[in-house]
Structures are given as structure tokens and as C-alpha cells.
Protein backbone atom coordinates (compact mmCIF):
# COMPACT_ATOMS: atom_id res chain seq x y z
CA MET A 1 75.08 51.08 115.85
CA SER A 2 74.64 53.03 112.60
CA SER A 3 76.31 56.26 111.53
CA TYR A 4 72.97 58.06 111.75
CA ALA A 5 72.42 56.82 115.31
CA LEU A 6 75.85 58.12 116.30
CA PHE A 7 75.05 61.44 114.63
CA LYS A 8 71.78 61.71 116.58
CA LYS A 9 73.63 60.93 119.82
CA ASP A 10 76.17 63.68 119.18
CA LEU A 11 73.47 66.13 118.15
CA ALA A 12 71.39 65.42 121.26
CA SER A 13 74.48 65.75 123.44
CA GLU A 14 75.43 69.06 121.81
CA LEU A 15 71.92 70.48 122.11
CA ARG A 16 71.99 69.55 125.79
CA THR A 17 75.42 70.98 126.65
CA ARG A 18 75.77 73.56 123.80
CA TYR A 19 79.54 73.52 124.28
CA ALA A 20 80.53 73.73 120.60
CA ILE A 21 77.60 75.98 119.65
CA ASN A 22 78.30 78.51 122.41
CA SER A 23 82.04 78.59 121.74
CA LEU A 24 81.47 79.01 118.00
CA VAL A 25 78.93 81.81 118.43
CA MET A 26 81.13 83.68 120.90
CA PHE A 27 84.22 83.27 118.73
CA ILE A 28 82.39 84.46 115.60
CA VAL A 29 81.02 87.55 117.37
CA VAL A 30 84.36 88.39 119.02
CA THR A 31 86.43 87.86 115.85
CA ILE A 32 84.19 89.96 113.62
CA SER A 33 83.95 92.66 116.31
CA VAL A 34 87.73 92.82 116.65
CA ILE A 35 88.10 93.18 112.87
CA LEU A 36 85.49 95.94 112.80
CA PHE A 37 87.13 97.84 115.67
CA SER A 38 90.57 97.39 114.10
CA ILE A 39 89.43 98.78 110.76
CA GLY A 40 87.51 101.68 112.29
CA ASN A 41 86.68 104.26 109.65
CA GLU A 42 89.32 102.97 107.25
CA LYS A 43 88.12 101.58 103.95
CA ILE A 44 89.45 98.11 103.12
CA SER A 45 89.70 96.69 99.62
CA ASP A 46 87.18 94.17 98.31
CA PHE A 47 89.80 91.42 98.01
CA LEU A 48 91.08 91.97 101.55
CA SER A 49 87.56 91.58 102.89
CA GLY A 50 87.30 88.26 101.01
CA GLY A 51 90.53 87.03 102.60
CA LEU A 52 89.42 88.10 106.08
CA PHE A 53 86.16 86.19 105.55
CA TRP A 54 88.02 82.87 105.33
CA VAL A 55 90.33 83.83 108.18
CA VAL A 56 87.26 84.22 110.40
CA ILE A 57 85.97 80.83 109.24
CA PHE A 58 89.33 79.12 109.87
CA PHE A 59 89.71 80.36 113.44
CA SER A 60 86.06 79.75 114.21
CA ALA A 61 86.46 76.14 113.08
CA MET A 62 89.48 75.79 115.36
CA SER A 63 87.38 76.84 118.36
CA GLY A 64 84.56 74.32 118.03
CA LEU A 65 85.30 71.37 115.76
CA SER A 66 87.94 69.72 117.95
CA ARG A 67 85.25 68.30 120.26
CA ALA A 68 84.24 65.49 117.89
CA PHE A 69 86.35 62.83 119.63
CA VAL A 70 87.61 64.74 122.66
CA SER A 71 84.14 64.59 124.20
CA GLU A 72 84.15 60.78 123.94
CA GLU A 73 87.48 60.64 125.79
CA GLU A 74 86.24 62.99 128.51
CA ARG A 75 83.04 61.00 129.06
CA GLY A 76 84.87 57.68 128.93
CA THR A 77 82.68 56.33 126.11
CA THR A 78 85.49 55.60 123.64
CA LEU A 79 85.79 51.93 124.62
CA THR A 80 82.02 51.48 124.35
CA LEU A 81 82.01 52.89 120.82
CA GLN A 82 84.90 50.61 119.87
CA LEU A 83 82.86 47.61 121.02
CA ILE A 84 79.51 48.43 119.39
CA ALA A 85 80.47 50.10 116.11
CA SER A 86 83.02 49.75 113.33
CA PRO A 87 85.62 52.48 112.72
CA THR A 88 83.94 53.37 109.42
CA THR A 89 80.59 53.84 111.13
CA ILE A 90 82.10 55.98 113.87
CA PHE A 91 83.98 58.24 111.48
CA SER A 92 80.93 58.60 109.22
CA GLY A 93 78.72 59.62 112.15
CA LYS A 94 81.25 62.13 113.48
CA LEU A 95 81.82 63.51 109.98
CA LEU A 96 78.08 63.95 109.42
CA PHE A 97 77.80 65.90 112.68
CA ASN A 98 80.77 68.12 111.80
CA LEU A 99 79.38 68.72 108.31
CA ILE A 100 76.11 70.02 109.74
CA LEU A 101 77.99 72.13 112.29
CA VAL A 102 80.39 73.58 109.69
CA PHE A 103 77.64 74.51 107.22
CA ALA A 104 75.46 76.06 109.94
CA MET A 105 78.42 78.01 111.34
CA ASN A 106 79.66 79.27 107.98
CA ILE A 107 76.22 80.27 106.70
CA VAL A 108 75.81 82.41 109.83
CA ILE A 109 79.28 83.89 109.31
CA ALA A 110 78.55 84.63 105.62
CA LEU A 111 75.26 86.40 106.41
CA LEU A 112 76.70 88.37 109.31
CA TYR A 113 79.87 89.24 107.42
CA SER A 114 77.93 90.41 104.35
CA ALA A 115 75.74 92.64 106.51
CA LEU A 116 78.64 94.26 108.37
CA PHE A 117 81.26 94.63 105.62
CA GLU A 118 80.19 96.77 102.69
CA ALA A 119 83.31 95.80 100.72
CA PHE A 120 82.32 92.12 100.76
CA VAL A 121 80.27 92.01 97.55
CA ILE A 122 80.04 88.76 95.58
CA LYS A 123 79.44 89.40 91.88
CA ASN A 124 79.58 85.79 90.69
CA LEU A 125 77.33 84.11 93.26
CA SER A 126 77.29 80.65 91.63
CA LEU A 127 81.11 80.46 91.64
CA PHE A 128 81.21 81.52 95.27
CA LEU A 129 78.55 78.94 96.23
CA TYR A 130 80.51 76.13 94.56
CA ALA A 131 83.65 77.21 96.41
CA PHE A 132 81.70 77.65 99.65
CA ILE A 133 80.17 74.15 99.50
CA LEU A 134 83.37 72.35 98.49
CA GLY A 135 85.37 74.36 101.03
CA ASN A 136 83.01 73.52 103.89
CA ILE A 137 83.17 69.82 103.02
CA GLY A 138 86.96 69.95 103.02
CA ILE A 139 87.08 71.77 106.36
CA ALA A 140 84.70 69.25 107.95
CA ILE A 141 86.63 66.21 106.69
CA ALA A 142 90.06 67.54 107.71
CA SER A 143 88.79 68.76 111.08
CA THR A 144 87.18 65.42 111.89
CA LEU A 145 90.36 63.49 111.07
CA ILE A 146 92.56 65.86 113.08
CA ALA A 147 90.14 65.70 116.02
CA SER A 148 90.52 61.91 116.09
CA ILE A 149 94.32 62.22 116.10
CA ILE A 150 94.53 64.67 119.01
CA ALA A 151 91.76 63.08 121.12
CA LYS A 152 94.21 61.14 123.30
CA ALA A 153 96.82 63.90 123.49
CA SER A 154 97.38 65.77 126.75
CA SER A 155 97.56 69.23 125.14
CA LYS A 156 94.47 69.05 122.92
CA GLY A 157 93.78 72.78 122.83
CA THR A 158 97.15 73.79 121.39
CA LEU A 159 97.75 70.71 119.25
CA TYR A 160 94.55 71.04 117.21
CA PRO A 161 95.34 74.36 115.47
CA VAL A 162 99.00 73.37 115.07
CA LEU A 163 98.05 70.24 113.12
CA SER A 164 95.16 71.91 111.30
CA PHE A 165 97.10 74.83 109.86
CA PRO A 166 99.40 72.95 107.43
CA ILE A 167 96.60 70.58 106.38
CA LEU A 168 94.02 73.32 105.79
CA LEU A 169 96.44 75.90 104.36
CA PRO A 170 96.19 74.70 100.70
CA LEU A 171 92.40 74.64 101.01
CA MET A 172 92.25 78.13 102.53
CA LEU A 173 94.56 79.65 99.93
CA THR A 174 92.44 78.17 97.12
CA LEU A 175 89.22 79.40 98.74
CA ILE A 176 90.63 82.92 99.15
CA ASP A 177 91.66 82.91 95.48
CA LEU A 178 88.22 81.71 94.35
CA THR A 179 86.47 84.28 96.54
CA LYS A 180 88.62 86.98 94.94
CA GLN A 181 87.60 85.70 91.51
CA ALA A 182 83.93 85.60 92.53
CA MET A 183 84.18 89.22 93.65
CA ASP A 184 85.82 90.13 90.35
CA THR A 185 83.14 88.56 88.07
CA THR A 186 85.51 85.84 86.87
CA THR A 187 83.74 83.18 84.78
CA PHE A 188 83.58 79.47 85.59
CA SER A 189 85.83 78.64 82.64
CA SER A 190 88.59 80.74 84.17
CA SER A 191 88.23 79.06 87.58
CA TYR A 192 88.25 75.37 86.59
CA VAL A 193 91.74 74.80 87.98
CA GLU A 194 90.89 76.17 91.44
CA LEU A 195 87.56 74.30 91.53
CA ALA A 196 89.35 71.11 90.49
CA ILE A 197 91.85 71.63 93.32
CA LEU A 198 88.99 71.91 95.81
CA GLY A 199 87.31 68.78 94.45
CA CYS A 200 90.57 66.81 94.49
CA TYR A 201 91.32 68.01 98.03
CA ASP A 202 87.95 66.73 99.28
CA VAL A 203 88.33 63.38 97.52
CA VAL A 204 91.89 62.86 98.78
CA MET A 205 90.98 63.86 102.35
CA ILE A 206 87.95 61.55 102.53
CA ALA A 207 89.96 58.64 101.09
CA VAL A 208 92.89 59.22 103.45
CA SER A 209 90.55 59.64 106.42
CA PHE A 210 88.79 56.31 105.93
CA MET A 211 92.09 54.52 105.30
CA LEU A 212 93.85 55.93 108.37
CA PHE A 213 91.00 56.17 110.86
CA ASP A 214 90.96 52.42 111.53
CA PHE A 215 94.56 52.63 112.80
CA ILE A 216 94.00 55.90 114.68
CA TRP A 217 90.85 54.67 116.43
CA LYS A 218 92.31 51.35 117.58
CA ASP A 219 95.64 52.79 118.72
């Protein structure tokens, strides 16, 4: 079984059940609505709107990305996957599915957020796009690894955000800082350190994930 075949299986299953898609859409709508109602007629600063943007993305990811391996446990297909595919193949397929889901989710959030929040104005679009792409990759990798860890736990719903927060915190803080710089017309030369942090985070997470997943999957 190839990684692409596993990805197609997960995609077909998700399109049939729409569990992650429905939960993500509802969470995005509810979260943004709550923020809008909380703000009311008050004017928020540009930088605060940039921070809230990544807060929405973080909590939306927590609501839908944990299903990567939990669904296999619930359907009882974990043992079958262990027999027909290598750990590397399984993780690659799950990661590919989460990457597509994360990018689709966050593009929708970015478009909706930009339309509803006048303060959210990106002046350096190329810097924001670099941060957006690297950030989404990091979120997908970390979320996939954490989902594999909590798949066999009894309290999956509460354990996922608890484990995700300390792992994703450095990434989120860097993304908030880069978004602030992109809204403040900061040049690329002034943002090399933050962009390097994002790149290093993605490389470290993908290396750690492939090294540890073999032990996690066979445990």
C-alpha cells in the first residue's frame, strides 16, 4: 500500500462522513462569530487582529486534525494497516491528508477573516505568504504526530489540545510576530530570523516524526 493510496482512502472516507470538515466549518464560524460579537463596535488594533487570526487557526486545528489516527482505532483498521504498510508509508499518507486539510481550512479562514475584520490588512503580502505556508506545514506535521500519540488514549478529546499547546506554542508565537511584521511593511531582510525559525521548526518536526513514528505505531 502506497502513501498516496492511504491518502485517497482517508479522503474518500472523509468525503463520505464529513466528520472533520463539518467540525472545522462549524468551529471556524462559531469562533469568528464569538470574536465579532465580543468586539462589538469597539475598534481593535491591527496587531491584535493578526494575533487573533492565528488563535482562530490554532483552535480550529484542535477541533478537526485529531481524527487522523483516531478514526483507524474506532473502525478497527489499525492492525490491518500495520500488516499491509510500513510506518513511513502510513505517516506519509496521513501527513499528506492533514496537509491538504490544513491548507484548505486556513485559506478559508484567511479569506473570511479578511472580509470581516477591517483591521486585518497585510501590507507585505509575500512575507505573510511565506509565513502562512511554512506555518501550515508545521501545524500539519505536529498535529499528525500528536494524533498518532493520543490515538490509543482513553481521553482523546482532552489530551490532544493539552499535548498540542506546548509543541505548537513556539510556532504560533513566531507566526504572530511575522504577521505583525507583514502588517507593518517590514522587509524580508528584517524577518530572516523568524523565517529561519519557521523553516527549522518544520525540518526538526518532520525528522522527529519519522524517527519516532515507528515506535509509536508499533507500541
